[in-house]
Amino acid sequence: MKGSIFIVSAPSGAGKTTLCRRLTEVVPRIVHSISYTTRQARKGEVDGKDYFFVDEDRFMRMVGAGEFLEWAEVHGNLYGTSRVKLFEMIQGGIDVILDIDTQGAAQIRQKGIDATFIFIMPPSLETLKERLMSRKTDSEQVILLRLKKAREEIDDYRLYDYVIVNERLEVALNELGAVILSGRLHISRIDHEWVKKTFGLDASGSRF
């Protein structure tokens, strides 16, 4: 059985990356896709674990070679998802969760790729601002730009299958896990050949 793709989008600072990483610790058989990016690594980030950090020239060569399933410019930096690595995992029966911005999610949606789309929303813009400030990685001007962008991204929430408000991390994590587990039980994931063989159904007596 093939794996499934779960797309998670949110404004910067809403907690999507933390939620996705925590999810892989508590839900079996799901991995967090690692994106390529041209931004500088933040303190404590590790190449190949948090992101694949590359320069802009290499990133654009990858774009030209069609190596990305989706890519976008976000806050002056480039981010992209490897097409080959993603589909290798899917073909191997592994579920993959991608935390990508709304631009990247739109690209995947437009390509008609089967995926479940989940939007993580902050409880308020005031809370989002506090979280961005507490990271102490951006100037006040950059934070204001991120908040302006957040309004635009939140306006796209109707395009998603599920919306989770991340007010309390543990509650939001449980809700995200529930979405993943329910997706695994969807009728589209059922192996109909297994049902036929297991319960003695055949072409004349089966509706499959």
N, C-alpha and C. Protein backbone atom coordinates (compact mmCIF):
# COMPACT_ATOMS: atom_id res chain seq x y z
N MET A 1 0.84 -1.19 0.00
CA MET A 1 0.00 0.00 0.00
C MET A 1 0.88 1.25 0.00
N LYS A 2 0.55 2.19 -0.85
CA LYS A 2 1.32 3.43 -0.92
C LYS A 2 1.09 4.28 0.32
N GLY A 3 2.06 5.14 0.59
CA GLY A 3 1.91 6.08 1.67
C GLY A 3 1.07 7.27 1.23
N SER A 4 0.75 8.13 2.16
CA SER A 4 -0.06 9.32 1.88
C SER A 4 0.76 10.58 2.12
N ILE A 5 0.31 11.67 1.49
CA ILE A 5 0.96 12.96 1.66
C ILE A 5 0.04 13.86 2.48
N PHE A 6 0.60 14.46 3.52
CA PHE A 6 -0.12 15.41 4.35
C PHE A 6 0.59 16.75 4.27
N ILE A 7 -0.14 17.77 3.80
CA ILE A 7 0.42 19.11 3.64
C ILE A 7 -0.01 19.97 4.81
N VAL A 8 0.95 20.58 5.49
CA VAL A 8 0.64 21.46 6.62
C VAL A 8 1.18 22.86 6.32
N SER A 9 0.29 23.84 6.32
CA SER A 9 0.69 25.24 6.08
C SER A 9 0.27 26.09 7.27
N ALA A 10 0.98 27.21 7.42
CA ALA A 10 0.66 28.14 8.52
C ALA A 10 1.50 29.39 8.35
N PRO A 11 1.08 30.49 8.94
CA PRO A 11 1.94 31.67 8.96
C PRO A 11 3.21 31.39 9.76
N SER A 12 4.28 32.09 9.45
CA SER A 12 5.52 31.96 10.21
C SER A 12 5.27 32.26 11.68
N GLY A 13 5.68 31.34 12.55
CA GLY A 13 5.50 31.53 13.98
C GLY A 13 4.28 30.84 14.56
N ALA A 14 3.45 30.24 13.70
CA ALA A 14 2.23 29.58 14.19
C ALA A 14 2.51 28.21 14.79
N GLY A 15 3.71 27.67 14.54
CA GLY A 15 4.08 26.40 15.18
C GLY A 15 4.00 25.17 14.32
N LYS A 16 3.90 25.34 12.99
CA LYS A 16 3.71 24.16 12.14
C LYS A 16 4.91 23.22 12.15
N THR A 17 6.12 23.77 12.14
CA THR A 17 7.29 22.91 12.11
C THR A 17 7.43 22.13 13.41
N THR A 18 7.21 22.79 14.53
CA THR A 18 7.25 22.10 15.83
C THR A 18 6.22 20.99 15.89
N LEU A 19 5.00 21.27 15.43
CA LEU A 19 3.95 20.26 15.43
C LEU A 19 4.30 19.07 14.55
N CYS A 20 4.84 19.33 13.37
CA CYS A 20 5.18 18.24 12.44
C CYS A 20 6.29 17.36 13.02
N ARG A 21 7.27 17.99 13.62
CA ARG A 21 8.36 17.20 14.21
C ARG A 21 7.89 16.38 15.40
N ARG A 22 7.07 16.99 16.25
CA ARG A 22 6.54 16.26 17.40
C ARG A 22 5.65 15.11 16.94
N LEU A 23 4.91 15.34 15.86
CA LEU A 23 4.00 14.31 15.36
C LEU A 23 4.76 13.03 15.01
N THR A 24 5.92 13.19 14.35
CA THR A 24 6.69 12.00 13.94
C THR A 24 7.23 11.23 15.13
N GLU A 25 7.26 11.86 16.31
CA GLU A 25 7.72 11.19 17.52
C GLU A 25 6.63 10.35 18.17
N VAL A 26 5.36 10.69 17.89
CA VAL A 26 4.27 10.01 18.58
C VAL A 26 3.39 9.17 17.65
N VAL A 27 3.47 9.41 16.35
CA VAL A 27 2.68 8.64 15.38
C VAL A 27 3.64 7.79 14.54
N PRO A 28 3.48 6.47 14.54
CA PRO A 28 4.39 5.61 13.77
C PRO A 28 4.15 5.72 12.26
N ARG A 29 5.17 5.34 11.50
CA ARG A 29 5.10 5.23 10.03
C ARG A 29 4.79 6.57 9.34
N ILE A 30 5.30 7.65 9.88
CA ILE A 30 5.18 8.93 9.19
C ILE A 30 6.49 9.69 9.38
N VAL A 31 6.96 10.31 8.31
CA VAL A 31 8.21 11.06 8.37
C VAL A 31 7.95 12.51 8.00
N HIS A 32 8.81 13.37 8.50
CA HIS A 32 8.73 14.80 8.23
C HIS A 32 9.64 15.10 7.05
N SER A 33 9.08 15.55 5.95
CA SER A 33 9.87 15.87 4.76
C SER A 33 10.83 17.02 5.07
N ILE A 34 12.07 16.89 4.60
CA ILE A 34 13.08 17.93 4.80
C ILE A 34 13.20 18.76 3.53
N SER A 35 12.95 20.05 3.66
CA SER A 35 12.99 20.95 2.51
C SER A 35 14.40 21.45 2.22
N TYR A 36 14.61 21.87 0.99
CA TYR A 36 15.82 22.60 0.62
C TYR A 36 15.54 24.09 0.82
N THR A 37 16.54 24.83 1.26
CA THR A 37 16.36 26.26 1.43
C THR A 37 17.67 27.01 1.21
N THR A 38 17.52 28.26 0.80
CA THR A 38 18.69 29.13 0.62
C THR A 38 18.93 30.01 1.84
N ARG A 39 18.07 29.96 2.83
CA ARG A 39 18.28 30.82 4.00
C ARG A 39 19.41 30.27 4.85
N GLN A 40 19.98 31.14 5.66
CA GLN A 40 21.04 30.74 6.57
C GLN A 40 20.48 29.89 7.71
N ALA A 41 21.26 28.94 8.15
CA ALA A 41 20.84 28.10 9.27
C ALA A 41 20.78 28.94 10.55
N ARG A 42 19.72 28.73 11.32
CA ARG A 42 19.62 29.39 12.61
C ARG A 42 20.42 28.59 13.64
N LYS A 43 20.66 29.22 14.77
CA LYS A 43 21.42 28.57 15.82
C LYS A 43 20.77 27.25 16.22
N GLY A 44 21.56 26.19 16.20
CA GLY A 44 21.07 24.87 16.58
C GLY A 44 20.54 24.04 15.43
N GLU A 45 20.31 24.63 14.25
CA GLU A 45 19.81 23.88 13.11
C GLU A 45 20.94 23.08 12.47
N VAL A 46 20.59 21.89 11.96
CA VAL A 46 21.58 20.98 11.39
C VAL A 46 21.22 20.67 9.94
N ASP A 47 22.21 20.79 9.06
CA ASP A 47 22.01 20.48 7.65
C ASP A 47 21.65 19.01 7.49
N GLY A 48 20.58 18.75 6.72
CA GLY A 48 20.13 17.38 6.50
C GLY A 48 19.16 16.88 7.54
N LYS A 49 18.99 17.63 8.62
CA LYS A 49 18.03 17.27 9.66
C LYS A 49 16.89 18.28 9.71
N ASP A 50 17.25 19.56 9.77
CA ASP A 50 16.23 20.61 9.79
C ASP A 50 15.88 21.04 8.37
N TYR A 51 16.90 21.28 7.57
CA TYR A 51 16.77 21.63 6.16
C TYR A 51 18.02 21.15 5.44
N PHE A 52 17.93 21.11 4.11
CA PHE A 52 19.12 20.99 3.29
C PHE A 52 19.48 22.42 2.90
N PHE A 53 20.55 22.95 3.45
CA PHE A 53 20.93 24.34 3.20
C PHE A 53 21.82 24.40 1.96
N VAL A 54 21.37 25.14 0.95
CA VAL A 54 22.11 25.26 -0.30
C VAL A 54 22.17 26.73 -0.70
N ASP A 55 23.09 27.07 -1.60
CA ASP A 55 23.14 28.45 -2.07
C ASP A 55 22.13 28.63 -3.20
N GLU A 56 21.91 29.88 -3.58
CA GLU A 56 20.87 30.18 -4.57
C GLU A 56 21.19 29.59 -5.93
N ASP A 57 22.46 29.56 -6.31
CA ASP A 57 22.83 29.00 -7.62
C ASP A 57 22.44 27.53 -7.71
N ARG A 58 22.79 26.77 -6.67
CA ARG A 58 22.43 25.35 -6.70
C ARG A 58 20.92 25.16 -6.69
N PHE A 59 20.24 25.96 -5.89
CA PHE A 59 18.78 25.85 -5.81
C PHE A 59 18.16 26.08 -7.18
N MET A 60 18.59 27.12 -7.89
CA MET A 60 18.01 27.42 -9.19
C MET A 60 18.37 26.38 -10.23
N ARG A 61 19.54 25.74 -10.09
CA ARG A 61 19.87 24.63 -11.00
C ARG A 61 18.90 23.47 -10.77
N MET A 62 18.56 23.23 -9.51
CA MET A 62 17.60 22.18 -9.19
C MET A 62 16.22 22.52 -9.75
N VAL A 63 15.86 23.79 -9.68
CA VAL A 63 14.58 24.24 -10.27
C VAL A 63 14.59 23.95 -11.76
N GLY A 64 15.67 24.33 -12.44
CA GLY A 64 15.78 24.13 -13.89
C GLY A 64 15.74 22.67 -14.29
N ALA A 65 16.23 21.80 -13.40
CA ALA A 65 16.24 20.36 -13.70
C ALA A 65 14.93 19.69 -13.32
N GLY A 66 13.98 20.46 -12.80
CA GLY A 66 12.68 19.90 -12.43
C GLY A 66 12.73 18.99 -11.21
N GLU A 67 13.68 19.26 -10.31
CA GLU A 67 13.85 18.38 -9.15
C GLU A 67 12.86 18.66 -8.02
N PHE A 68 12.17 19.79 -8.08
CA PHE A 68 11.26 20.13 -6.99
C PHE A 68 9.81 19.84 -7.34
N LEU A 69 9.11 19.23 -6.39
CA LEU A 69 7.66 19.05 -6.54
C LEU A 69 6.98 20.40 -6.42
N GLU A 70 7.51 21.23 -5.53
CA GLU A 70 7.04 22.60 -5.35
C GLU A 70 8.20 23.42 -4.83
N TRP A 71 8.15 24.72 -5.13
CA TRP A 71 9.14 25.62 -4.56
C TRP A 71 8.56 27.03 -4.53
N ALA A 72 9.08 27.83 -3.64
CA ALA A 72 8.54 29.18 -3.51
C ALA A 72 9.56 30.08 -2.83
N GLU A 73 9.39 31.37 -3.03
CA GLU A 73 10.18 32.37 -2.32
C GLU A 73 9.36 32.86 -1.14
N VAL A 74 9.92 32.77 0.05
CA VAL A 74 9.22 33.17 1.27
C VAL A 74 10.14 34.08 2.08
N HIS A 75 9.69 35.30 2.30
CA HIS A 75 10.47 36.27 3.08
C HIS A 75 11.89 36.41 2.56
N GLY A 76 12.03 36.41 1.24
CA GLY A 76 13.33 36.64 0.62
C GLY A 76 14.22 35.42 0.49
N ASN A 77 13.74 34.26 0.94
CA ASN A 77 14.50 33.02 0.83
C ASN A 77 13.73 32.00 -0.01
N LEU A 78 14.46 31.05 -0.61
CA LEU A 78 13.84 30.03 -1.45
C LEU A 78 13.71 28.72 -0.68
N TYR A 79 12.57 28.05 -0.87
CA TYR A 79 12.31 26.77 -0.23
C TYR A 79 11.75 25.81 -1.28
N GLY A 80 12.11 24.53 -1.20
CA GLY A 80 11.60 23.57 -2.16
C GLY A 80 11.57 22.16 -1.61
N THR A 81 10.67 21.33 -2.18
CA THR A 81 10.51 19.93 -1.78
C THR A 81 10.99 19.03 -2.89
N SER A 82 11.90 18.12 -2.57
CA SER A 82 12.44 17.19 -3.56
C SER A 82 11.37 16.23 -4.06
N ARG A 83 11.19 16.21 -5.36
CA ARG A 83 10.21 15.31 -5.98
C ARG A 83 10.61 13.84 -5.79
N VAL A 84 11.87 13.52 -6.08
CA VAL A 84 12.33 12.13 -6.04
C VAL A 84 12.26 11.56 -4.63
N LYS A 85 12.78 12.30 -3.65
CA LYS A 85 12.80 11.80 -2.28
C LYS A 85 11.40 11.59 -1.73
N LEU A 86 10.49 12.50 -2.07
CA LEU A 86 9.11 12.37 -1.59
C LEU A 86 8.45 11.11 -2.13
N PHE A 87 8.52 10.92 -3.46
CA PHE A 87 7.80 9.79 -4.05
C PHE A 87 8.48 8.45 -3.76
N GLU A 88 9.77 8.45 -3.47
CA GLU A 88 10.42 7.22 -3.02
C GLU A 88 9.80 6.76 -1.71
N MET A 89 9.57 7.70 -0.80
CA MET A 89 8.97 7.34 0.48
C MET A 89 7.53 6.89 0.31
N ILE A 90 6.79 7.60 -0.54
CA ILE A 90 5.38 7.25 -0.76
C ILE A 90 5.27 5.85 -1.37
N GLN A 91 6.10 5.56 -2.37
CA GLN A 91 6.07 4.24 -2.99
C GLN A 91 6.48 3.15 -2.01
N GLY A 92 7.25 3.51 -1.00
CA GLY A 92 7.67 2.55 0.00
C GLY A 92 6.65 2.36 1.11
N GLY A 93 5.48 2.97 0.97
CA GLY A 93 4.42 2.79 1.96
C GLY A 93 4.54 3.68 3.18
N ILE A 94 5.36 4.72 3.08
CA ILE A 94 5.57 5.62 4.21
C ILE A 94 4.74 6.89 4.03
N ASP A 95 4.02 7.30 5.06
CA ASP A 95 3.31 8.57 5.02
C ASP A 95 4.31 9.70 5.22
N VAL A 96 4.09 10.81 4.53
CA VAL A 96 5.01 11.94 4.60
C VAL A 96 4.23 13.20 4.93
N ILE A 97 4.73 13.97 5.89
CA ILE A 97 4.12 15.24 6.24
C ILE A 97 5.05 16.37 5.79
N LEU A 98 4.50 17.31 5.04
CA LEU A 98 5.26 18.44 4.54
C LEU A 98 4.78 19.71 5.21
N ASP A 99 5.67 20.46 5.85
CA ASP A 99 5.26 21.78 6.33
C ASP A 99 5.80 22.80 5.34
N ILE A 100 4.89 23.32 4.54
CA ILE A 100 5.24 24.25 3.46
C ILE A 100 4.28 25.44 3.49
N ASP A 101 4.68 26.52 2.86
CA ASP A 101 3.83 27.72 2.88
C ASP A 101 2.65 27.56 1.92
N THR A 102 1.78 28.52 1.92
CA THR A 102 0.55 28.44 1.11
C THR A 102 0.85 28.45 -0.38
N GLN A 103 1.97 29.08 -0.80
CA GLN A 103 2.34 29.06 -2.23
C GLN A 103 2.66 27.64 -2.68
N GLY A 104 3.48 26.95 -1.89
CA GLY A 104 3.84 25.58 -2.23
C GLY A 104 2.64 24.65 -2.20
N ALA A 105 1.77 24.84 -1.20
CA ALA A 105 0.56 24.02 -1.12
C ALA A 105 -0.32 24.22 -2.35
N ALA A 106 -0.41 25.47 -2.82
CA ALA A 106 -1.21 25.77 -4.00
C ALA A 106 -0.64 25.07 -5.23
N GLN A 107 0.68 25.00 -5.35
CA GLN A 107 1.30 24.32 -6.49
C GLN A 107 0.94 22.84 -6.50
N ILE A 108 1.01 22.20 -5.32
CA ILE A 108 0.69 20.78 -5.22
C ILE A 108 -0.79 20.56 -5.53
N ARG A 109 -1.64 21.45 -5.04
CA ARG A 109 -3.07 21.35 -5.30
C ARG A 109 -3.37 21.49 -6.79
N GLN A 110 -2.72 22.44 -7.45
CA GLN A 110 -2.94 22.69 -8.87
C GLN A 110 -2.47 21.52 -9.74
N LYS A 111 -1.48 20.78 -9.26
CA LYS A 111 -0.97 19.64 -10.01
C LYS A 111 -1.86 18.40 -9.85
N GLY A 112 -2.86 18.51 -8.99
CA GLY A 112 -3.80 17.40 -8.81
C GLY A 112 -3.22 16.23 -8.04
N ILE A 113 -2.18 16.47 -7.26
CA ILE A 113 -1.56 15.41 -6.47
C ILE A 113 -2.45 15.09 -5.26
N ASP A 114 -2.68 13.81 -5.05
CA ASP A 114 -3.54 13.38 -3.95
C ASP A 114 -2.86 13.67 -2.61
N ALA A 115 -3.46 14.52 -1.82
CA ALA A 115 -2.89 14.90 -0.53
C ALA A 115 -3.99 15.43 0.37
N THR A 116 -3.72 15.41 1.67
CA THR A 116 -4.62 16.01 2.65
C THR A 116 -4.00 17.34 3.09
N PHE A 117 -4.79 18.40 3.03
CA PHE A 117 -4.29 19.75 3.31
C PHE A 117 -4.78 20.24 4.67
N ILE A 118 -3.83 20.64 5.51
CA ILE A 118 -4.13 21.04 6.88
C ILE A 118 -3.54 22.43 7.13
N PHE A 119 -4.36 23.32 7.68
CA PHE A 119 -3.89 24.68 7.97
C PHE A 119 -3.80 24.87 9.49
N ILE A 120 -2.64 25.33 9.95
CA ILE A 120 -2.43 25.63 11.36
C ILE A 120 -2.61 27.14 11.55
N MET A 121 -3.55 27.51 12.40
CA MET A 121 -3.87 28.92 12.60
C MET A 121 -3.50 29.36 14.03
N PRO A 122 -2.89 30.52 14.18
CA PRO A 122 -2.62 31.03 15.53
C PRO A 122 -3.93 31.50 16.16
N PRO A 123 -4.00 31.55 17.49
CA PRO A 123 -5.24 32.00 18.13
C PRO A 123 -5.55 33.47 17.86
N SER A 124 -4.52 34.28 17.57
CA SER A 124 -4.70 35.70 17.26
C SER A 124 -3.41 36.24 16.68
N LEU A 125 -3.50 37.41 16.05
CA LEU A 125 -2.30 38.05 15.52
C LEU A 125 -1.40 38.54 16.66
N GLU A 126 -2.03 38.92 17.78
CA GLU A 126 -1.26 39.37 18.93
C GLU A 126 -0.38 38.22 19.46
N THR A 127 -0.97 37.04 19.56
CA THR A 127 -0.20 35.87 20.01
C THR A 127 0.90 35.53 19.02
N LEU A 128 0.58 35.64 17.73
CA LEU A 128 1.58 35.36 16.70
C LEU A 128 2.76 36.32 16.82
N LYS A 129 2.46 37.58 17.05
CA LYS A 129 3.52 38.58 17.21
C LYS A 129 4.40 38.24 18.41
N GLU A 130 3.78 37.83 19.52
CA GLU A 130 4.54 37.47 20.71
C GLU A 130 5.46 36.29 20.44
N ARG A 131 4.96 35.31 19.69
CA ARG A 131 5.78 34.14 19.39
C ARG A 131 6.96 34.51 18.49
N LEU A 132 6.72 35.36 17.50
CA LEU A 132 7.79 35.79 16.61
C LEU A 132 8.85 36.58 17.38
N MET A 133 8.41 37.42 18.29
CA MET A 133 9.35 38.22 19.08
C MET A 133 10.16 37.33 20.02
N SER A 134 9.53 36.30 20.57
CA SER A 134 10.21 35.44 21.54
C SER A 134 11.31 34.60 20.89
N ARG A 135 11.21 34.39 19.56
CA ARG A 135 12.26 33.63 18.88
C ARG A 135 13.58 34.40 18.84
N LYS A 136 13.47 35.73 18.85
CA LYS A 136 14.65 36.62 18.84
C LYS A 136 15.58 36.33 17.66
N THR A 137 14.98 36.03 16.51
CA THR A 137 15.78 35.78 15.31
C THR A 137 15.55 36.84 14.23
N ASP A 138 14.53 37.70 14.42
CA ASP A 138 14.19 38.68 13.40
C ASP A 138 14.12 40.08 14.00
N SER A 139 14.40 41.07 13.17
CA SER A 139 14.25 42.46 13.59
C SER A 139 12.77 42.82 13.67
N GLU A 140 12.48 43.95 14.28
CA GLU A 140 11.08 44.39 14.39
C GLU A 140 10.48 44.61 13.02
N GLN A 141 11.27 45.13 12.08
CA GLN A 141 10.78 45.37 10.72
C GLN A 141 10.41 44.05 10.04
N VAL A 142 11.25 43.03 10.21
CA VAL A 142 10.98 41.72 9.61
C VAL A 142 9.73 41.11 10.23
N ILE A 143 9.57 41.27 11.54
CA ILE A 143 8.39 40.73 12.22
C ILE A 143 7.12 41.38 11.68
N LEU A 144 7.16 42.69 11.44
CA LEU A 144 6.00 43.39 10.89
C LEU A 144 5.67 42.87 9.50
N LEU A 145 6.70 42.57 8.71
CA LEU A 145 6.48 42.00 7.37
C LEU A 145 5.87 40.61 7.48
N ARG A 146 6.34 39.82 8.44
CA ARG A 146 5.79 38.48 8.64
C ARG A 146 4.32 38.54 9.06
N LEU A 147 3.97 39.51 9.89
CA LEU A 147 2.58 39.66 10.32
C LEU A 147 1.68 40.08 9.16
N LYS A 148 2.22 40.96 8.29
CA LYS A 148 1.45 41.36 7.11
C LYS A 148 1.22 40.17 6.20
N LYS A 149 2.26 39.35 6.02
CA LYS A 149 2.14 38.14 5.19
C LYS A 149 1.18 37.15 5.83
N ALA A 150 1.18 37.10 7.16
CA ALA A 150 0.31 36.16 7.87
C ALA A 150 -1.15 36.41 7.55
N ARG A 151 -1.55 37.67 7.47
CA ARG A 151 -2.94 38.00 7.14
C ARG A 151 -3.31 37.42 5.77
N GLU A 152 -2.40 37.54 4.81
CA GLU A 152 -2.65 37.01 3.46
C GLU A 152 -2.77 35.49 3.48
N GLU A 153 -1.88 34.85 4.25
CA GLU A 153 -1.89 33.38 4.30
C GLU A 153 -3.14 32.87 5.01
N ILE A 154 -3.53 33.50 6.10
CA ILE A 154 -4.72 33.08 6.83
C ILE A 154 -5.97 33.20 5.97
N ASP A 155 -5.96 34.16 5.05
CA ASP A 155 -7.11 34.35 4.16
C ASP A 155 -7.33 33.15 3.24
N ASP A 156 -6.33 32.26 3.12
CA ASP A 156 -6.45 31.08 2.26
C ASP A 156 -6.94 29.84 3.01
N TYR A 157 -7.31 29.98 4.26
CA TYR A 157 -7.64 28.80 5.06
C TYR A 157 -8.78 27.97 4.48
N ARG A 158 -9.67 28.59 3.74
CA ARG A 158 -10.81 27.86 3.16
C ARG A 158 -10.39 26.84 2.12
N LEU A 159 -9.17 26.96 1.61
CA LEU A 159 -8.68 26.04 0.58
C LEU A 159 -8.18 24.73 1.18
N TYR A 160 -8.18 24.62 2.50
CA TYR A 160 -7.63 23.45 3.18
C TYR A 160 -8.75 22.51 3.65
N ASP A 161 -8.39 21.25 3.87
CA ASP A 161 -9.36 20.25 4.31
C ASP A 161 -9.64 20.35 5.81
N TYR A 162 -8.62 20.73 6.57
CA TYR A 162 -8.75 20.82 8.02
C TYR A 162 -8.07 22.10 8.51
N VAL A 163 -8.62 22.67 9.59
CA VAL A 163 -8.03 23.85 10.23
C VAL A 163 -7.85 23.53 11.71
N ILE A 164 -6.63 23.74 12.21
CA ILE A 164 -6.31 23.51 13.62
C ILE A 164 -5.80 24.81 14.21
N VAL A 165 -6.41 25.26 15.31
CA VAL A 165 -5.96 26.47 15.98
C VAL A 165 -4.94 26.07 17.04
N ASN A 166 -3.70 26.52 16.87
CA ASN A 166 -2.63 26.15 17.78
C ASN A 166 -2.52 27.15 18.93
N GLU A 167 -3.42 26.98 19.89
CA GLU A 167 -3.36 27.80 21.10
C GLU A 167 -2.53 27.11 22.17
N ARG A 168 -2.78 25.80 22.32
CA ARG A 168 -1.99 24.97 23.24
C ARG A 168 -1.37 23.85 22.42
N LEU A 169 -0.06 23.73 22.49
CA LEU A 169 0.67 22.82 21.63
C LEU A 169 0.18 21.38 21.74
N GLU A 170 -0.01 20.88 22.97
CA GLU A 170 -0.40 19.48 23.14
C GLU A 170 -1.79 19.20 22.56
N VAL A 171 -2.69 20.16 22.70
CA VAL A 171 -4.04 20.00 22.13
C VAL A 171 -3.96 19.98 20.62
N ALA A 172 -3.21 20.92 20.04
CA ALA A 172 -3.06 20.98 18.59
C ALA A 172 -2.38 19.72 18.06
N LEU A 173 -1.42 19.19 18.81
CA LEU A 173 -0.72 17.97 18.40
C LEU A 173 -1.68 16.79 18.37
N ASN A 174 -2.54 16.68 19.36
CA ASN A 174 -3.54 15.61 19.38
C ASN A 174 -4.50 15.73 18.21
N GLU A 175 -4.89 16.96 17.89
CA GLU A 175 -5.81 17.18 16.77
C GLU A 175 -5.14 16.83 15.44
N LEU A 176 -3.88 17.21 15.30
CA LEU A 176 -3.15 16.87 14.07
C LEU A 176 -3.00 15.36 13.93
N GLY A 177 -2.69 14.70 15.04
CA GLY A 177 -2.58 13.25 15.01
C GLY A 177 -3.89 12.58 14.63
N ALA A 178 -5.01 13.15 15.09
CA ALA A 178 -6.32 12.59 14.76
C ALA A 178 -6.59 12.69 13.26
N VAL A 179 -6.18 13.80 12.65
CA VAL A 179 -6.36 13.97 11.20
C VAL A 179 -5.54 12.92 10.44
N ILE A 180 -4.29 12.71 10.86
CA ILE A 180 -3.43 11.74 10.20
C ILE A 180 -4.02 10.34 10.31
N LEU A 181 -4.43 9.96 11.51
CA LEU A 181 -4.96 8.61 11.72
C LEU A 181 -6.27 8.40 10.97
N SER A 182 -7.12 9.42 10.92
CA SER A 182 -8.38 9.27 10.19
C SER A 182 -8.11 9.13 8.69
N GLY A 183 -7.07 9.82 8.19
CA GLY A 183 -6.71 9.69 6.79
C GLY A 183 -6.27 8.28 6.44
N ARG A 184 -5.60 7.63 7.36
CA ARG A 184 -5.15 6.26 7.12
C ARG A 184 -6.32 5.27 7.06
N LEU A 185 -7.44 5.63 7.68
CA LEU A 185 -8.60 4.74 7.70
C LEU A 185 -9.59 5.04 6.58
N HIS A 186 -9.28 6.01 5.74
CA HIS A 186 -10.18 6.40 4.66
C HIS A 186 -10.33 5.25 3.67
N ILE A 187 -11.49 5.16 3.05
CA ILE A 187 -11.79 4.08 2.10
C ILE A 187 -10.78 4.03 0.96
N SER A 188 -10.21 5.16 0.60
CA SER A 188 -9.24 5.20 -0.49
C SER A 188 -7.95 4.46 -0.16
N ARG A 189 -7.70 4.22 1.14
CA ARG A 189 -6.48 3.51 1.55
C ARG A 189 -6.69 2.00 1.65
N ILE A 190 -7.91 1.54 1.50
CA ILE A 190 -8.19 0.12 1.66
C ILE A 190 -7.64 -0.68 0.48
N ASP A 191 -7.00 -1.80 0.79
CA ASP A 191 -6.52 -2.73 -0.24
C ASP A 191 -7.67 -3.66 -0.60
N HIS A 192 -8.36 -3.35 -1.69
CA HIS A 192 -9.55 -4.12 -2.06
C HIS A 192 -9.22 -5.57 -2.42
N GLU A 193 -8.03 -5.81 -2.98
CA GLU A 193 -7.63 -7.18 -3.29
C GLU A 193 -7.50 -8.00 -2.02
N TRP A 194 -6.97 -7.38 -0.95
CA TRP A 194 -6.86 -8.08 0.33
C TRP A 194 -8.23 -8.43 0.87
N VAL A 195 -9.21 -7.51 0.75
CA VAL A 195 -10.57 -7.78 1.22
C VAL A 195 -11.17 -8.96 0.47
N LYS A 196 -10.98 -8.98 -0.84
CA LYS A 196 -11.52 -10.07 -1.65
C LYS A 196 -10.96 -11.42 -1.21
N LYS A 197 -9.63 -11.47 -1.08
CA LYS A 197 -8.99 -12.73 -0.72
C LYS A 197 -9.32 -13.16 0.70
N THR A 198 -9.33 -12.22 1.61
CA THR A 198 -9.55 -12.54 3.03
C THR A 198 -10.96 -13.03 3.30
N PHE A 199 -11.95 -12.45 2.59
CA PHE A 199 -13.35 -12.78 2.87
C PHE A 199 -14.03 -13.57 1.77
N GLY A 200 -13.21 -14.12 0.85
CA GLY A 200 -13.74 -15.02 -0.16
C GLY A 200 -14.67 -14.37 -1.17
N LEU A 201 -14.48 -13.11 -1.44
CA LEU A 201 -15.31 -12.41 -2.42
C LEU A 201 -14.69 -12.55 -3.80
N ASP A 202 -15.54 -12.62 -4.81
CA ASP A 202 -15.02 -12.72 -6.17
C ASP A 202 -15.76 -11.71 -7.06
N ALA A 203 -15.44 -11.74 -8.33
CA ALA A 203 -16.00 -10.75 -9.25
C ALA A 203 -17.51 -10.81 -9.31
N SER A 204 -18.09 -12.02 -9.20
CA SER A 204 -19.56 -12.14 -9.32
C SER A 204 -20.28 -11.73 -8.05
N GLY A 205 -19.59 -11.83 -6.91
CA GLY A 205 -20.28 -11.54 -5.65
C GLY A 205 -19.76 -10.31 -4.94
N SER A 206 -18.88 -9.58 -5.61
CA SER A 206 -18.28 -8.42 -4.96
C SER A 206 -18.68 -7.14 -5.66
N ARG A 207 -18.78 -6.08 -4.90
CA ARG A 207 -19.06 -4.75 -5.47
C ARG A 207 -17.79 -3.96 -5.65
N PHE A 208 -16.63 -4.56 -5.39
CA PHE A 208 -15.38 -3.83 -5.53
C PHE A 208 -14.95 -3.77 -6.97
